[in-house]
Each structure stands twice: as structure tokens, then as C-alpha cells.
Amino acid sequence: MTIWMVFLSANVLIYKNALVRVDFLDHIWPKTFMKVRDAAYTVIFVVILFVLFWQGWVQAISYWGVPVTGLPVDKFWIYLSIPVGAFLMLVQYALNLIRMFFGKGENAG
């Protein structure tokens, strides 16, 4: 249950742009550089999350039919939190990229 909460709350943090980040030098850099830097970080995170989604799905499928000790539940449902959470974060990062370059709002430079 905890891992489901972590992945779902991470999606909210991505939406609010509240993930841990190093921004103490932001007052030195021009806004254009910061926009490109943020986009580069987002693309890197998207690649990592895509791998996490893919490998999480492979892992979850491998536990189909394997019961959790002492519970009438397959381990599949526990491991399914990884691809579902990664997918939701991928969607949120894609929306943030769109908002960053084409829209208005708190993530727009």
C-alpha cells in the first residue's frame, strides 16, 4: 500500500513542480538557460520513467499468479504500482513540457 501512495503522490509533486531540486544558482543564470535546463532534466526523467514503466510491467507480469504469503492476493497487484505510477508521472511530465513551452502557468518560464 505504501508504494502505491509514494507513486501517486510523486505525480502530484511533479504537477506542482515541487520535487527536490538544486536551484540556489538560478538567480545567476538567464531565464532562457533555465528553461532549456529544465526541459533537459524533464527529458532525462521521461527516459528514466519510460524504462521504469517497461521494466516494472515485465516484473509485474512475472508475478501473475504468485500469491503473497498469508494474503489472498497475487504479487502482481503489488508490483503493478511501478508501471502505473511511472505511467502517471510520464503523463504529468509530458503535460509540464507542453505547459513549459506552449502554455501559461506556474511551470511556464
Protein backbone atom coordinates (compact mmCIF):
# COMPACT_ATOMS: atom_id res chain seq x y z
CA MET A 1 0.00 0.00 0.00
CA THR A 2 2.84 2.37 0.81
CA ILE A 3 4.46 2.03 -2.60
CA TRP A 4 1.12 2.89 -4.26
CA MET A 5 0.94 6.06 -2.13
CA VAL A 6 4.52 7.02 -3.00
CA PHE A 7 3.97 6.70 -6.74
CA LEU A 8 0.63 8.52 -6.68
CA SER A 9 1.93 11.36 -4.51
CA ALA A 10 5.00 11.74 -6.74
CA ASN A 11 2.62 12.55 -9.58
CA VAL A 12 1.17 15.42 -7.55
CA LEU A 13 4.67 16.70 -6.75
CA ILE A 14 5.55 16.69 -10.45
CA TYR A 15 2.36 18.65 -11.22
CA LYS A 16 3.20 21.26 -8.58
CA ASN A 17 6.88 21.33 -9.62
CA ALA A 18 7.79 20.54 -6.01
CA LEU A 19 10.28 17.72 -6.41
CA VAL A 20 13.65 18.13 -4.73
CA ARG A 21 15.87 20.27 -6.92
CA VAL A 22 19.01 22.35 -6.73
CA ASP A 23 18.09 25.91 -7.61
CA PHE A 24 20.37 28.08 -5.46
CA LEU A 25 22.22 29.39 -8.55
CA ASP A 26 19.09 30.25 -10.51
CA HIS A 27 19.49 33.98 -9.85
CA ILE A 28 22.78 33.90 -11.83
CA TRP A 29 21.54 32.20 -14.99
CA PRO A 30 19.39 33.82 -17.68
CA LYS A 31 15.79 32.63 -17.94
CA THR A 32 16.42 31.08 -21.36
CA PHE A 33 19.17 28.87 -19.95
CA MET A 34 16.96 27.79 -17.04
CA LYS A 35 14.15 26.92 -19.44
CA VAL A 36 16.48 24.76 -21.54
CA ARG A 37 17.97 23.19 -18.40
CA ASP A 38 14.53 22.34 -17.03
CA ALA A 39 13.50 20.86 -20.37
CA ALA A 40 16.68 18.75 -20.46
CA TYR A 41 16.03 17.47 -16.93
CA THR A 42 12.46 16.65 -17.88
CA VAL A 43 13.56 14.71 -20.96
CA ILE A 44 16.07 12.74 -18.86
CA PHE A 45 13.36 11.94 -16.32
CA VAL A 46 10.99 10.89 -19.11
CA VAL A 47 13.58 8.42 -20.44
CA ILE A 48 14.18 7.02 -16.94
CA LEU A 49 10.45 6.75 -16.28
CA PHE A 50 9.88 5.01 -19.60
CA VAL A 51 12.46 2.36 -18.66
CA LEU A 52 10.87 2.09 -15.20
CA PHE A 53 7.43 1.64 -16.79
CA TRP A 54 8.66 -1.01 -19.21
CA GLN A 55 10.71 -2.99 -16.68
CA GLY A 56 8.04 -2.57 -14.00
CA TRP A 57 5.47 -4.07 -16.34
CA VAL A 58 7.78 -7.00 -17.12
CA GLN A 59 8.33 -7.53 -13.40
CA ALA A 60 4.61 -7.30 -12.56
CA ILE A 61 3.66 -9.82 -15.26
CA SER A 62 6.28 -12.24 -13.95
CA TYR A 63 4.43 -12.31 -10.59
CA TRP A 64 1.00 -13.07 -12.06
CA GLY A 65 -0.43 -15.97 -10.08
CA VAL A 66 2.20 -15.84 -7.32
CA PRO A 67 0.36 -15.31 -4.02
CA VAL A 68 1.55 -13.03 -1.24
CA THR A 69 2.37 -15.10 1.82
CA GLY A 70 -0.59 -15.02 4.17
CA LEU A 71 -2.86 -12.96 1.89
CA PRO A 72 -5.29 -13.98 -0.86
CA VAL A 73 -3.69 -11.53 -3.31
CA ASP A 74 -1.25 -12.02 -6.19
CA LYS A 75 2.09 -10.22 -6.03
CA PHE A 76 1.11 -8.84 -9.44
CA TRP A 77 -1.12 -6.24 -7.78
CA ILE A 78 1.74 -5.03 -5.60
CA TYR A 79 4.23 -4.81 -8.46
CA LEU A 80 1.63 -3.18 -10.71
CA SER A 81 2.17 0.04 -8.74
CA ILE A 82 5.50 0.54 -10.52
CA PRO A 83 4.26 0.72 -14.14
CA VAL A 84 1.06 2.55 -13.16
CA GLY A 85 2.97 5.15 -11.13
CA ALA A 86 5.61 5.55 -13.83
CA PHE A 87 2.92 6.00 -16.49
CA LEU A 88 1.13 8.67 -14.47
CA MET A 89 4.42 10.50 -13.92
CA LEU A 90 5.21 10.24 -17.65
CA VAL A 91 1.87 11.84 -18.47
CA GLN A 92 2.47 14.61 -15.95
CA TYR A 93 5.98 15.33 -17.26
CA ALA A 94 4.61 15.46 -20.82
CA LEU A 95 1.96 17.94 -19.70
CA ASN A 96 4.61 20.00 -17.91
CA LEU A 97 6.73 20.12 -21.07
CA ILE A 98 3.74 21.28 -23.11
CA ARG A 99 2.88 23.88 -20.48
CA MET A 100 6.53 25.00 -20.28
CA PHE A 101 6.87 25.74 -23.98
CA PHE A 102 3.35 26.47 -25.21
CA GLY A 103 1.22 27.48 -22.28
CA LYS A 104 0.92 29.81 -19.39
CA GLY A 105 1.09 28.89 -15.73
CA GLU A 106 3.49 28.27 -12.91
CA ASN A 107 5.74 25.99 -15.00
CA ALA A 108 5.91 28.38 -17.93
CA GLY A 109 9.19 30.32 -17.88
